[in-house]
Amino acid sequence: MLPLSKDVLDVVMLNLQRYVAPQVTSDDGRLALGLISYVLGCVYVEEHDLPALQAQRHADLQPVFEGLTQVLDSVALPDAGQMIGDARTAIAQALKAPLDSEASDRALQIALQATAGLAGAAGMPAWKQRLFEVESQFVEQLTDKMEYWAYGTAARERPDVGQQRQLNSELLTDYLRRRYPQHASLKAEVVEVPGGWSKKTYKLSVENGPAGWEQLIIRQDAIGGPTPLSCIGEVEVLKLAERHGIPVGAVVAEEPGTALDAPFLLMRRMPGVCSMDAWKEKGPDGQLPGAALAAQVARLHRIPLNELSGWDADLSPQDVIRNGILAFERRWQRDRPMADPLLEFAVQWLKDNIPTDITRLSIVHADISDRNILLEGGRISAILDWELWHVGDPMYDLAYIRPFISQSMDWQQFVEIYEANGGFKVSMKNDDFWFIFSEVRNSLMLASGLRTFITGLNRNIKTIAPVMGQYRNRLRLAMRRLKPLL
């Protein structure tokens, strides 16, 4: 299911040199990075370039071997019969094994030893000259290929990696000056934030720009990323959540087009950290952050759906859930690079087992976890990453939250706070369905997202890494939960 290892090495190598190397400043770090690059370069050439180079070398060596056979047939030296015979045998074996470089190496070594005393024999000087030319050319090509990957030439000459420019201060300054001509002296400083798979995130600081733009975040679609959803689709729910008092990074500007290769949002930069340890530290009110999250999730679920544009109130909860499953299935069927009977089975099970007892719908974040919430001093400063939001069963969020929140506080206490703050009556009856739905959805997205890597649309490490690390793991988790239900 995964692409060939040479493609993965391609991505690792180029991303290492393009994005990691500039951040390494110590001498020891540079040495370690150089050694890693050298080793990866050798591995890459061994996997990717060497077979073709060996085939060309063998084709070039064939007339050399034939010429040497003629030389050996024309001479006879005292006490050299055995060595000459060994050389003839080794040459014959090498000619029969075009893909066996060791056979060629062995034949040449034996032949050179056997003919050490034939420097003046007819045809010998020409034969040695031709052998030298072939072997020297092979070493030149092999070394060039290795250095191309190991020493950064590939990174400088391969703009196809990611198919997306790395945003920098110059690009952002030019873009913002054109968009906001009233701020002609505006200056932008931007730094990419590591982490995150489906979107690219940058810290942005703006001087001489609109008021309050000193500390912003850029959230940009990653071309060919593992999810099909654009950050532009988050704008409405972010503004709605903010209006209802839910802490988010407020949107200050949006670019739906491709002026800088892919759509992006400019958002307020919120303080805090994403850390599981921080969930175990009480805030100034003596409460764990989980208590505040319970209240915020209840607030989210109580936002009236008629405040969403285009909401169809005539759809039943089952219709809404089925439409969501079908949407992910259609994208997977369109983009998947391989068949997967187990995933096909799981999707069919989901469609056949949509809970019939769901009677209410709400806005669902669908990805609330410790990695998507900023905490500062025991308080929630922002709930992040709304790309998977949708209208659905509010118990979906509860099922998703339960594994991580149970690591820091009693689950029943969380439920009580949620219900006391206006949340729906909690029932975990459909917990299995929503767990399986979540993991199958993730597998569907990862499998179809791989298409952009295979086609070369995106060769960024963030495209292939989650597929390699999570596709089968997510599918395994879903199947473990599904097996007892069959």
Protein backbone atom coordinates (compact mmCIF):
# COMPACT_ATOMS: atom_id res chain seq x y z
CA MET A 1 0.00 0.00 0.00
CA LEU A 2 2.87 2.36 0.77
CA PRO A 3 5.02 3.90 -1.95
CA LEU A 4 8.40 2.49 -2.81
CA SER A 5 11.09 3.14 -0.25
CA LYS A 6 13.05 5.29 -2.70
CA ASP A 7 10.14 7.76 -2.77
CA VAL A 8 10.12 7.94 1.01
CA LEU A 9 13.90 8.43 1.09
CA ASP A 10 13.49 11.17 -1.50
CA VAL A 11 11.10 13.04 0.77
CA VAL A 12 13.08 12.51 3.96
CA MET A 13 16.31 13.61 2.34
CA LEU A 14 15.00 16.78 0.74
CA ASN A 15 12.96 17.87 3.75
CA LEU A 16 15.92 17.22 6.04
CA GLN A 17 18.15 19.49 3.99
CA ARG A 18 15.55 22.14 3.23
CA TYR A 19 13.86 22.57 6.59
CA VAL A 20 15.98 20.95 9.29
CA ALA A 21 19.50 21.93 8.25
CA PRO A 22 18.91 25.71 8.44
CA GLN A 23 17.83 25.33 12.08
CA VAL A 24 21.00 23.48 13.18
CA THR A 25 23.52 25.97 14.58
CA SER A 26 26.02 24.06 16.75
CA ASP A 27 29.18 22.48 15.34
CA ASP A 28 28.27 19.07 16.76
CA GLY A 29 24.79 19.38 15.31
CA ARG A 30 26.13 20.22 11.85
CA LEU A 31 28.53 17.27 12.03
CA ALA A 32 25.74 14.90 13.05
CA LEU A 33 23.46 16.25 10.32
CA GLY A 34 26.25 15.87 7.77
CA LEU A 35 26.82 12.26 8.75
CA ILE A 36 23.11 11.50 8.64
CA SER A 37 22.84 13.12 5.21
CA TYR A 38 25.85 11.16 3.98
CA VAL A 39 24.40 7.84 5.15
CA LEU A 40 20.94 8.61 3.73
CA GLY A 41 22.57 9.69 0.47
CA CYS A 42 24.36 6.35 0.20
CA VAL A 43 21.17 4.45 1.05
CA TYR A 44 19.19 6.46 -1.49
CA VAL A 45 21.69 5.89 -4.29
CA GLU A 46 21.88 2.19 -3.43
CA GLU A 47 18.09 1.93 -3.73
CA HIS A 48 17.36 4.40 -6.49
CA ASP A 49 20.34 4.98 -8.78
CA LEU A 50 22.66 2.01 -8.45
CA PRO A 51 20.61 -0.56 -10.44
CA ALA A 52 20.63 1.64 -13.57
CA LEU A 53 24.30 2.52 -13.14
CA GLN A 54 25.18 -1.14 -12.70
CA ALA A 55 23.26 -2.10 -15.84
CA GLN A 56 25.13 0.54 -17.84
CA ARG A 57 28.43 -0.58 -16.33
CA HIS A 58 27.77 -4.19 -17.34
CA ALA A 59 26.89 -3.14 -20.90
CA ASP A 60 30.14 -1.17 -21.08
CA LEU A 61 32.12 -4.06 -19.59
CA GLN A 62 30.82 -6.68 -22.01
CA PRO A 63 33.21 -5.72 -24.87
CA VAL A 64 35.96 -5.32 -22.27
CA PHE A 65 35.44 -8.90 -21.08
CA GLU A 66 35.27 -10.16 -24.65
CA GLY A 67 38.51 -8.34 -25.53
CA LEU A 68 40.21 -9.76 -22.46
CA THR A 69 39.14 -13.29 -23.42
CA GLN A 70 40.84 -12.80 -26.79
CA VAL A 71 44.02 -11.58 -25.08
CA LEU A 72 44.05 -14.57 -22.73
CA ASP A 73 43.51 -16.97 -25.61
CA SER A 74 46.55 -15.56 -27.41
CA VAL A 75 49.11 -15.86 -24.62
CA ALA A 76 50.57 -18.56 -22.44
CA LEU A 77 52.88 -17.96 -19.50
CA PRO A 78 54.85 -20.54 -17.55
CA ASP A 79 53.12 -21.49 -14.29
CA ALA A 80 50.16 -19.21 -15.07
CA GLY A 81 47.80 -21.81 -16.53
CA GLN A 82 45.65 -22.07 -13.41
CA MET A 83 45.28 -18.30 -13.03
CA ILE A 84 44.42 -17.88 -16.71
CA GLY A 85 41.83 -20.64 -16.41
CA ASP A 86 40.34 -19.05 -13.29
CA ALA A 87 40.13 -15.72 -15.11
CA ARG A 88 38.32 -17.28 -18.09
CA THR A 89 35.83 -19.00 -15.73
CA ALA A 90 35.16 -15.80 -13.77
CA ILE A 91 34.64 -13.78 -16.98
CA ALA A 92 32.17 -16.35 -18.31
CA GLN A 93 30.19 -16.16 -15.05
CA ALA A 94 30.16 -12.37 -15.12
CA LEU A 95 28.83 -12.30 -18.69
CA LYS A 96 25.96 -14.56 -17.66
CA ALA A 97 25.01 -12.41 -14.63
CA PRO A 98 24.38 -8.82 -15.80
CA LEU A 99 22.78 -7.80 -12.47
CA ASP A 100 25.52 -9.33 -10.29
CA SER A 101 28.05 -6.57 -9.76
CA GLU A 102 30.07 -8.78 -7.43
CA ALA A 103 30.60 -11.29 -10.27
CA SER A 104 32.00 -8.49 -12.46
CA ASP A 105 34.21 -7.22 -9.66
CA ARG A 106 35.54 -10.71 -8.98
CA ALA A 107 36.23 -11.41 -12.66
CA LEU A 108 38.13 -8.16 -13.10
CA GLN A 109 40.20 -8.70 -9.98
CA ILE A 110 41.19 -12.24 -11.00
CA ALA A 111 41.90 -11.12 -14.58
CA LEU A 112 44.16 -8.29 -13.46
CA GLN A 113 46.08 -10.65 -11.19
CA ALA A 114 46.40 -13.27 -13.95
CA THR A 115 47.67 -10.72 -16.49
CA ALA A 116 50.06 -8.87 -14.20
CA GLY A 117 52.99 -10.01 -16.30
CA LEU A 118 51.38 -9.37 -19.71
CA ALA A 119 51.87 -5.62 -19.93
CA GLY A 120 53.46 -5.91 -23.36
CA ALA A 121 51.21 -8.59 -24.79
CA ALA A 122 49.24 -7.78 -27.94
CA GLY A 123 46.03 -5.93 -27.12
CA MET A 124 46.79 -5.68 -23.39
CA PRO A 125 47.50 -1.91 -23.18
CA ALA A 126 44.29 -1.09 -25.09
CA TRP A 127 42.31 -3.48 -22.92
CA LYS A 128 43.57 -1.93 -19.68
CA GLN A 129 42.90 1.57 -20.99
CA ARG A 130 39.32 0.66 -21.85
CA LEU A 131 38.83 -1.01 -18.47
CA PHE A 132 40.14 2.08 -16.72
CA GLU A 133 37.75 4.31 -18.68
CA VAL A 134 34.67 2.18 -17.90
CA GLU A 135 35.44 1.82 -14.19
CA SER A 136 36.39 5.50 -13.80
CA GLN A 137 33.14 6.57 -15.45
CA PHE A 138 31.17 4.30 -13.13
CA VAL A 139 32.86 5.72 -10.01
CA GLU A 140 32.36 9.30 -11.25
CA GLN A 141 28.63 8.75 -11.81
CA LEU A 142 28.15 6.91 -8.54
CA THR A 143 29.96 9.60 -6.55
CA ASP A 144 28.06 12.40 -8.28
CA LYS A 145 24.75 10.74 -7.44
CA MET A 146 25.70 10.27 -3.80
CA GLU A 147 26.92 13.83 -3.39
CA TYR A 148 23.81 15.14 -5.15
CA TRP A 149 21.74 13.74 -2.28
CA ALA A 150 24.20 13.98 0.59
CA TYR A 151 25.49 17.51 0.20
CA GLY A 152 22.39 19.53 -0.56
CA THR A 153 22.46 19.88 -4.34
CA ALA A 154 19.18 17.99 -4.63
CA ALA A 155 17.43 20.31 -2.18
CA ARG A 156 18.56 23.35 -4.18
CA GLU A 157 17.57 21.90 -7.53
CA ARG A 158 14.28 20.16 -6.65
CA PRO A 159 11.54 22.80 -6.32
CA ASP A 160 8.91 20.06 -6.69
CA VAL A 161 9.17 19.11 -3.02
CA GLY A 162 5.86 20.10 -1.51
CA GLN A 163 4.81 22.00 -4.63
CA GLN A 164 4.44 24.92 -2.28
CA ARG A 165 6.76 27.78 -1.51
CA GLN A 166 7.99 28.06 2.02
CA LEU A 167 6.44 31.30 3.26
CA ASN A 168 9.09 33.78 4.29
CA SER A 169 9.18 37.36 5.49
CA GLU A 170 9.78 38.80 2.03
CA LEU A 171 6.81 36.99 0.46
CA LEU A 172 4.47 37.94 3.32
CA THR A 173 5.60 41.57 3.34
CA ASP A 174 5.00 41.88 -0.40
CA TYR A 175 1.59 40.20 -0.17
CA LEU A 176 0.36 42.28 2.77
CA ARG A 177 1.55 45.57 1.25
CA ARG A 178 -0.40 44.79 -1.92
CA ARG A 179 -3.49 43.77 0.01
CA TYR A 180 -3.30 46.73 2.43
CA PRO A 181 -1.85 49.60 0.37
CA GLN A 182 -2.64 52.05 3.17
CA HIS A 183 0.19 50.39 5.10
CA ALA A 184 2.96 50.89 2.54
CA SER A 185 5.75 50.64 5.15
CA LEU A 186 4.41 47.39 6.61
CA LYS A 187 7.03 44.77 7.45
CA ALA A 188 6.32 41.11 8.19
CA GLU A 189 8.45 38.60 10.07
CA VAL A 190 7.41 34.94 9.78
CA VAL A 191 8.66 31.66 11.27
CA GLU A 192 7.18 28.22 10.63
CA VAL A 193 5.85 26.36 13.67
CA PRO A 194 6.78 22.64 13.71
CA GLY A 195 4.12 20.01 14.20
CA GLY A 196 0.71 19.44 12.72
CA TRP A 197 0.02 17.21 9.73
CA SER A 198 -2.84 18.65 7.75
CA LYS A 199 -2.07 22.37 7.83
CA LYS A 200 1.02 24.57 7.80
CA THR A 201 1.32 27.00 10.72
CA TYR A 202 3.52 30.09 11.00
CA LYS A 203 4.11 32.74 13.64
CA LEU A 204 3.66 36.17 12.05
CA SER A 205 4.69 39.53 13.49
CA VAL A 206 3.76 42.71 11.61
CA GLU A 207 5.27 46.17 12.07
CA ASN A 208 3.54 49.32 10.80
CA GLY A 209 0.45 47.31 9.92
CA PRO A 210 -3.16 47.27 11.12
CA ALA A 211 -3.66 47.74 14.85
CA GLY A 212 -3.20 44.58 16.90
CA TRP A 213 -1.22 42.70 14.26
CA GLU A 214 1.96 42.47 16.31
CA GLN A 215 1.38 38.77 17.09
CA LEU A 216 -0.55 36.61 14.64
CA ILE A 217 -0.71 33.04 13.42
CA ILE A 218 -0.95 31.95 9.79
CA ARG A 219 -2.93 28.75 9.26
CA GLN A 220 -2.47 27.58 5.67
CA ASP A 221 -3.72 24.57 3.74
CA ALA A 222 -1.01 22.04 2.97
CA ILE A 223 -1.25 21.12 -0.70
CA GLY A 224 -1.97 17.43 -0.85
CA GLY A 225 -2.41 17.15 2.90
CA PRO A 226 -4.04 14.12 4.51
CA THR A 227 -7.41 15.80 5.10
CA PRO A 228 -9.68 17.11 2.34
CA LEU A 229 -10.85 20.18 4.24
CA SER A 230 -9.65 23.76 3.81
CA CYS A 231 -8.99 26.20 6.62
CA ILE A 232 -11.45 28.54 4.89
CA GLY A 233 -14.21 26.14 5.91
CA GLU A 234 -13.38 26.86 9.56
CA VAL A 235 -14.10 30.60 9.40
CA GLU A 236 -17.85 30.48 10.00
CA VAL A 237 -17.69 28.13 12.97
CA LEU A 238 -14.73 30.01 14.50
CA LYS A 239 -16.63 33.28 14.39
CA LEU A 240 -19.76 31.59 15.72
CA ALA A 241 -17.85 29.94 18.57
CA GLU A 242 -16.17 33.24 19.47
CA ARG A 243 -19.54 34.99 19.50
CA HIS A 244 -20.80 32.42 22.01
CA GLY A 245 -17.83 32.90 24.33
CA ILE A 246 -15.75 29.89 23.38
CA PRO A 247 -11.99 30.66 23.43
CA VAL A 248 -10.51 30.45 19.93
CA GLY A 249 -7.86 32.21 17.90
CA ALA A 250 -9.93 34.96 16.28
CA VAL A 251 -9.75 35.27 12.49
CA VAL A 252 -8.49 38.73 11.47
CA ALA A 253 -8.14 38.10 7.72
CA GLU A 254 -8.62 35.30 5.22
CA GLU A 255 -7.15 34.53 1.81
CA PRO A 256 -9.33 31.97 -0.01
CA GLY A 257 -7.26 32.04 -3.19
CA THR A 258 -3.79 30.92 -4.19
CA ALA A 259 -1.95 34.23 -4.00
CA LEU A 260 0.63 32.41 -1.85
CA ASP A 261 0.02 28.94 -3.33
CA ALA A 262 -2.77 27.80 -0.98
CA PRO A 263 -5.61 29.38 1.05
CA PHE A 264 -4.74 30.65 4.53
CA LEU A 265 -6.07 32.51 7.55
CA LEU A 266 -4.50 35.22 9.68
CA MET A 267 -5.48 34.59 13.30
CA ARG A 268 -4.74 36.00 16.74
CA ARG A 269 -1.80 34.28 18.37
CA MET A 270 -3.01 32.89 21.69
CA PRO A 271 -0.76 32.15 24.68
CA GLY A 272 -0.32 28.73 26.23
CA VAL A 273 0.99 25.24 25.59
CA CYS A 274 -0.37 21.94 24.31
CA SER A 275 0.73 19.50 26.99
CA MET A 276 -0.87 16.51 28.70
CA ASP A 277 1.01 17.37 31.89
CA ALA A 278 -0.67 20.79 31.99
CA TRP A 279 -4.08 19.10 32.26
CA LYS A 280 -3.07 17.77 35.68
CA GLU A 281 -2.28 21.23 37.09
CA LYS A 282 -5.06 23.17 38.80
CA GLY A 283 -5.81 26.75 37.84
CA PRO A 284 -6.28 29.82 40.08
CA ASP A 285 -9.82 28.67 40.88
CA GLY A 286 -8.54 25.35 42.22
CA GLN A 287 -10.15 23.43 39.35
CA LEU A 288 -8.47 21.20 36.80
CA PRO A 289 -8.62 22.45 33.18
CA GLY A 290 -10.92 19.52 32.38
CA ALA A 291 -13.70 21.21 34.34
CA ALA A 292 -13.45 24.30 32.13
CA LEU A 293 -13.40 22.12 29.02
CA ALA A 294 -16.62 20.39 30.10
CA ALA A 295 -18.33 23.78 30.34
CA GLN A 296 -16.95 24.95 26.99
CA VAL A 297 -18.03 21.78 25.17
CA ALA A 298 -21.53 22.18 26.64
CA ARG A 299 -21.57 25.76 25.35
CA LEU A 300 -20.49 24.60 21.89
CA HIS A 301 -23.19 21.94 21.72
CA ARG A 302 -25.90 24.45 22.67
CA ILE A 303 -25.20 26.88 19.82
CA PRO A 304 -28.45 27.04 17.78
CA LEU A 305 -27.99 25.30 14.43
CA ASN A 306 -30.12 27.90 12.68
CA GLU A 307 -27.20 30.30 13.14
CA LEU A 308 -25.28 28.25 10.58
CA SER A 309 -25.68 29.33 6.97
CA GLY A 310 -27.33 26.74 4.76
CA TRP A 311 -28.46 24.49 7.59
CA ASP A 312 -31.22 22.11 6.46
CA ALA A 313 -33.45 21.53 9.47
CA ASP A 314 -35.48 18.90 7.61
CA LEU A 315 -32.66 16.33 7.66
CA SER A 316 -32.93 13.63 10.31
CA PRO A 317 -29.93 12.88 12.55
CA GLN A 318 -29.52 9.56 10.74
CA ASP A 319 -29.49 11.31 7.34
CA VAL A 320 -26.85 13.76 8.55
CA ILE A 321 -24.61 10.98 9.87
CA ARG A 322 -25.05 8.86 6.74
CA ASN A 323 -24.21 11.82 4.50
CA GLY A 324 -21.00 12.34 6.46
CA ILE A 325 -19.96 8.71 6.03
CA LEU A 326 -20.78 8.80 2.33
CA ALA A 327 -18.77 11.98 1.79
CA PHE A 328 -15.61 10.42 3.20
CA GLU A 329 -16.27 7.16 1.34
CA ARG A 330 -16.65 8.96 -2.01
CA ARG A 331 -13.38 10.79 -1.59
CA TRP A 332 -11.62 7.56 -0.64
CA GLN A 333 -13.05 5.69 -3.62
CA ARG A 334 -11.99 8.52 -5.92
CA ASP A 335 -8.46 8.95 -4.61
CA ARG A 336 -7.39 5.69 -3.00
CA PRO A 337 -4.15 4.31 -4.47
CA MET A 338 -4.95 0.72 -3.45
CA ALA A 339 -7.83 -1.54 -2.50
CA ASP A 340 -8.41 -2.35 1.15
CA PRO A 341 -11.09 -4.98 1.84
CA LEU A 342 -10.95 -4.40 5.59
CA LEU A 343 -11.63 -0.69 5.23
CA GLU A 344 -14.41 -1.47 2.75
CA PHE A 345 -15.92 -3.81 5.33
CA ALA A 346 -15.72 -1.18 8.08
CA VAL A 347 -17.39 1.51 5.98
CA GLN A 348 -20.24 -0.85 5.16
CA TRP A 349 -20.65 -1.68 8.84
CA LEU A 350 -20.88 2.00 9.72
CA LYS A 351 -23.57 2.60 7.10
CA ASP A 352 -25.54 -0.41 8.32
CA ASN A 353 -25.27 0.44 12.02
CA ILE A 354 -26.05 4.16 12.29
CA PRO A 355 -27.64 4.56 15.73
CA THR A 356 -31.40 4.93 15.55
CA ASP A 357 -31.76 6.50 18.99
CA ILE A 358 -30.03 9.79 18.15
CA THR A 359 -32.68 12.50 18.33
CA ARG A 360 -30.63 15.72 18.61
CA LEU A 361 -27.83 17.32 16.64
CA SER A 362 -25.25 19.96 17.43
CA ILE A 363 -22.06 21.50 16.18
CA VAL A 364 -19.32 18.92 16.79
CA HIS A 365 -15.63 19.85 16.91
CA ALA A 366 -14.60 16.20 16.26
CA ASP A 367 -10.94 16.59 17.26
CA ILE A 368 -10.88 17.89 20.85
CA SER A 369 -7.77 16.56 22.55
CA ASP A 370 -4.74 17.72 24.52
CA ARG A 371 -2.87 18.42 21.26
CA ASN A 372 -5.54 20.87 20.08
CA ILE A 373 -6.08 22.96 23.23
CA LEU A 374 -3.81 25.70 24.54
CA LEU A 375 -3.52 25.92 28.34
CA GLU A 376 -2.01 28.82 30.26
CA GLY A 377 -1.86 28.84 34.03
CA GLY A 378 -4.50 26.14 34.34
CA ARG A 379 -6.93 27.96 32.04
CA ILE A 380 -8.01 27.22 28.47
CA SER A 381 -6.75 30.04 26.26
CA ALA A 382 -7.86 28.55 22.91
CA ILE A 383 -9.46 25.50 21.33
CA LEU A 384 -7.62 24.93 18.06
CA ASP A 385 -7.90 23.04 14.75
CA TRP A 386 -11.56 23.10 13.77
CA GLU A 387 -11.10 21.57 10.32
CA LEU A 388 -13.16 18.44 11.09
CA TRP A 389 -16.10 20.29 12.61
CA HIS A 390 -19.55 19.27 11.42
CA VAL A 391 -23.14 18.97 12.53
CA GLY A 392 -23.65 15.63 14.22
CA ASP A 393 -24.31 13.73 17.43
CA PRO A 394 -22.89 15.70 20.39
CA MET A 395 -21.96 12.36 21.96
CA TYR A 396 -19.33 12.04 19.24
CA ASP A 397 -17.30 14.77 20.97
CA LEU A 398 -17.81 13.12 24.35
CA ALA A 399 -16.62 9.75 23.04
CA TYR A 400 -13.57 11.42 21.47
CA ILE A 401 -12.73 13.42 24.61
CA ARG A 402 -13.13 10.59 27.13
CA PRO A 403 -9.77 8.75 26.58
CA PHE A 404 -7.61 11.81 27.05
CA ILE A 405 -9.60 13.61 29.77
CA SER A 406 -9.73 10.43 31.88
CA GLN A 407 -5.95 10.74 32.28
CA SER A 408 -6.35 13.91 34.35
CA MET A 409 -9.77 13.80 36.05
CA ASP A 410 -12.67 11.52 36.88
CA TRP A 411 -14.84 10.98 33.80
CA GLN A 412 -18.11 11.07 35.73
CA GLN A 413 -17.12 14.42 37.20
CA PHE A 414 -16.53 15.74 33.68
CA VAL A 415 -19.98 14.51 32.62
CA GLU A 416 -21.66 16.16 35.59
CA ILE A 417 -20.01 19.52 34.84
CA TYR A 418 -20.93 19.20 31.16
CA GLU A 419 -24.60 18.54 31.94
CA ALA A 420 -24.72 21.24 34.65
CA ASN A 421 -23.54 23.81 32.09
CA GLY A 422 -26.33 23.06 29.63
CA GLY A 423 -24.88 20.05 27.83
CA PHE A 424 -27.13 17.26 26.61
CA LYS A 425 -27.87 14.26 28.79
CA VAL A 426 -24.80 12.07 28.32
CA SER A 427 -25.22 8.51 27.12
CA MET A 428 -22.21 6.48 26.09
CA LYS A 429 -24.43 3.81 24.55
CA ASN A 430 -23.07 4.61 21.08
CA ASP A 431 -19.47 4.99 22.24
CA ASP A 432 -18.36 1.97 20.15
CA PHE A 433 -19.94 3.38 17.00
CA TRP A 434 -18.29 6.78 17.38
CA PHE A 435 -14.89 5.30 18.21
CA ILE A 436 -15.02 3.10 15.12
CA PHE A 437 -16.35 6.00 13.04
CA SER A 438 -13.46 8.23 14.13
CA GLU A 439 -10.74 5.70 13.41
CA VAL A 440 -12.26 4.61 10.09
CA ARG A 441 -12.63 8.26 9.07
CA ASN A 442 -8.95 8.81 9.86
CA SER A 443 -7.98 5.73 7.83
CA LEU A 444 -10.10 6.88 4.88
CA MET A 445 -8.49 10.31 4.88
CA LEU A 446 -4.96 8.97 5.21
CA ALA A 447 -5.41 6.40 2.46
CA SER A 448 -6.85 8.89 0.00
CA GLY A 449 -4.33 11.56 1.02
CA LEU A 450 -1.56 9.22 -0.10
CA ARG A 451 -2.65 9.79 -3.69
CA THR A 452 -1.05 13.25 -3.74
CA PHE A 453 2.27 11.76 -2.68
CA ILE A 454 2.24 9.00 -5.27
CA THR A 455 1.32 11.41 -8.08
CA GLY A 456 4.03 13.85 -6.99
CA LEU A 457 1.63 16.70 -6.18
CA ASN A 458 3.17 16.96 -2.75
CA ARG A 459 6.52 15.57 -1.67
CA ASN A 460 6.51 17.17 1.76
CA ILE A 461 7.36 14.88 4.67
CA LYS A 462 4.09 15.86 6.37
CA THR A 463 2.17 14.13 3.60
CA ILE A 464 3.75 10.71 3.86
CA ALA A 465 4.71 10.52 7.55
CA PRO A 466 1.18 10.26 9.01
CA VAL A 467 0.24 7.72 6.36
CA MET A 468 3.22 5.51 7.15
CA GLY A 469 2.82 5.85 10.89
CA GLN A 470 -0.93 5.94 11.37
CA TYR A 471 -2.92 4.37 8.51
CA ARG A 472 -2.63 0.75 9.59
CA ASN A 473 -2.55 1.64 13.27
CA ARG A 474 -5.85 3.52 13.02
CA LEU A 475 -7.39 0.69 11.04
CA ARG A 476 -6.19 -1.83 13.61
CA LEU A 477 -7.76 0.15 16.47
CA ALA A 478 -11.07 0.30 14.63
CA MET A 479 -11.04 -3.43 13.90
CA ARG A 480 -10.25 -4.33 17.50
CA ARG A 481 -13.32 -2.39 18.61
CA LEU A 482 -15.47 -3.75 15.79
CA LYS A 483 -14.64 -7.45 16.14
CA PRO A 484 -16.76 -8.12 19.29
CA LEU A 485 -19.73 -6.36 17.69
CA LEU A 486 -19.98 -8.62 14.64
